């Protein structure tokens, strides 16, 4: 994964899985109110391509605040309106803690929680 800038503490990579309409996005770093808009833009761009499933691997997210929850909520709603499932397949401790406090974001399935 390549950082957008040395000062931007969040990176991600995305790939379509083997001839399917499933996209895997691996996210690493600090997912907060400052970095969340850039990731949200990328996820919205991916949704425009018409996937049926969007899998987020957030195991390497080292910090998550309300911005992370906002991204999940926004993408969950947008994906549902397009017939796409959003799955958080792996989550690090900070994101698990945040969801434990705020609850499961609408439109998002939490696996391996």
Protein backbone atom coordinates (compact mmCIF):
# COMPACT_ATOMS: atom_id res chain seq x y z
CA UNK A 1 0.00 0.00 0.00
CA UNK A 2 1.22 3.43 -0.89
CA UNK A 3 0.42 6.44 1.26
CA UNK A 4 -1.27 9.45 -0.33
CA UNK A 5 1.35 11.59 1.40
CA UNK A 6 4.00 10.95 4.07
CA UNK A 7 1.84 13.08 6.39
CA UNK A 8 -1.38 11.12 5.68
CA UNK A 9 -1.61 8.27 8.22
CA UNK A 10 -4.01 6.00 6.26
CA UNK A 11 -3.41 3.72 3.30
CA UNK A 12 -5.57 1.24 1.44
CA UNK A 13 -5.47 -1.10 -1.49
CA UNK A 14 -8.37 -2.58 -3.40
CA UNK A 15 -8.76 -5.46 -5.81
CA UNK A 16 -11.56 -7.33 -7.52
CA UNK A 17 -11.51 -10.98 -6.51
CA UNK A 18 -11.01 -13.47 -9.35
CA UNK A 19 -13.62 -12.65 -11.96
CA UNK A 20 -16.33 -11.88 -9.40
CA UNK A 21 -18.12 -8.67 -8.59
CA UNK A 22 -16.57 -8.73 -5.11
CA UNK A 23 -14.06 -6.04 -4.18
CA UNK A 24 -11.64 -6.46 -1.28
CA UNK A 25 -10.32 -3.29 0.34
CA UNK A 26 -7.49 -3.57 2.87
CA UNK A 27 -7.18 -0.51 5.10
CA UNK A 28 -4.19 0.32 7.29
CA UNK A 29 -3.40 3.15 9.68
CA UNK A 30 -5.49 5.81 11.40
CA UNK A 31 -9.12 5.97 10.30
CA UNK A 32 -10.40 9.15 11.87
CA UNK A 33 -12.40 12.26 11.04
CA UNK A 34 -9.43 13.65 9.07
CA UNK A 35 -8.65 10.58 6.95
CA UNK A 36 -12.17 9.12 6.62
CA UNK A 37 -13.35 11.45 3.80
CA UNK A 38 -10.59 10.25 1.45
CA UNK A 39 -11.40 6.58 2.11
CA UNK A 40 -15.12 7.29 1.75
CA UNK A 41 -14.49 8.88 -1.66
CA UNK A 42 -12.55 5.79 -2.76
CA UNK A 43 -15.28 3.44 -1.54
CA UNK A 44 -17.97 5.50 -3.30
CA UNK A 45 -15.90 5.31 -6.49
CA UNK A 46 -15.71 1.52 -6.11
CA UNK A 47 -19.49 1.33 -5.60
CA UNK A 48 -20.01 3.22 -8.85
CA UNK A 49 -18.39 0.25 -10.62
CA UNK A 50 -21.31 -1.97 -9.60
CA UNK A 51 -19.86 -4.59 -7.23
CA UNK A 52 -22.28 -6.92 -5.48
CA UNK A 53 -20.06 -7.28 -2.42
CA UNK A 54 -17.55 -4.96 -0.81
CA UNK A 55 -15.28 -6.59 1.77
CA UNK A 56 -13.33 -4.32 4.12
CA UNK A 57 -10.29 -5.75 5.88
CA UNK A 58 -9.64 -3.31 8.70
CA UNK A 59 -7.42 -5.54 10.84
CA UNK A 60 -4.51 -3.10 10.37
CA UNK A 61 -6.47 0.00 11.41
CA UNK A 62 -4.50 1.23 14.41
CA UNK A 63 -6.87 4.02 15.47
CA UNK A 64 -10.56 4.60 14.80
CA UNK A 65 -12.83 7.43 15.89
CA UNK A 66 -16.29 8.64 14.91
CA UNK A 67 -14.98 9.28 11.39
CA UNK A 68 -14.48 5.53 10.93
CA UNK A 69 -18.03 4.86 12.08
CA UNK A 70 -19.27 7.54 9.69
CA UNK A 71 -17.53 5.90 6.72
CA UNK A 72 -19.05 2.53 7.55
CA UNK A 73 -22.52 4.04 7.97
CA UNK A 74 -22.32 6.10 4.77
CA UNK A 75 -20.99 3.25 2.67
CA UNK A 76 -23.46 0.78 4.18
CA UNK A 77 -26.40 2.98 3.17
CA UNK A 78 -25.01 3.77 -0.28
CA UNK A 79 -24.21 0.13 -0.99
CA UNK A 80 -27.61 -1.11 0.15
CA UNK A 81 -29.31 1.30 -2.25
CA UNK A 82 -27.23 -0.22 -5.07
CA UNK A 83 -27.81 -3.86 -4.13
CA UNK A 84 -24.30 -4.33 -2.77
CA UNK A 85 -23.41 -6.02 0.53
CA UNK A 86 -20.73 -4.44 2.73
CA UNK A 87 -18.82 -6.79 5.00
CA UNK A 88 -16.15 -5.92 7.54
CA UNK A 89 -14.24 -9.20 7.44
CA UNK A 90 -11.53 -8.36 9.94
CA UNK A 91 -11.28 -5.58 12.47
CA UNK A 92 -8.54 -4.39 14.75
CA UNK A 93 -9.15 -3.66 18.43
CA UNK A 94 -9.81 0.07 18.00
CA UNK A 95 -12.58 -0.46 15.46
CA UNK A 96 -14.10 -3.29 17.51
CA UNK A 97 -14.11 -1.02 20.56
CA UNK A 98 -15.78 1.79 18.61
CA UNK A 99 -18.52 -0.50 17.27
CA UNK A 100 -18.96 -1.92 20.76
CA UNK A 101 -19.77 1.58 21.99
CA UNK A 102 -21.85 2.84 19.05
CA UNK A 103 -23.40 -0.37 17.76
CA UNK A 104 -23.32 -1.97 14.33
CA UNK A 105 -23.49 0.53 11.45
CA UNK A 106 -26.62 0.18 9.31
CA UNK A 107 -26.07 -1.76 6.10
CA UNK A 108 -22.80 -3.33 7.26
CA UNK A 109 -22.25 -6.96 8.22
CA UNK A 110 -19.55 -7.63 10.77
CA UNK A 111 -17.77 -10.97 10.33
CA UNK A 112 -15.08 -12.51 12.56
CA UNK A 113 -16.00 -10.06 15.23
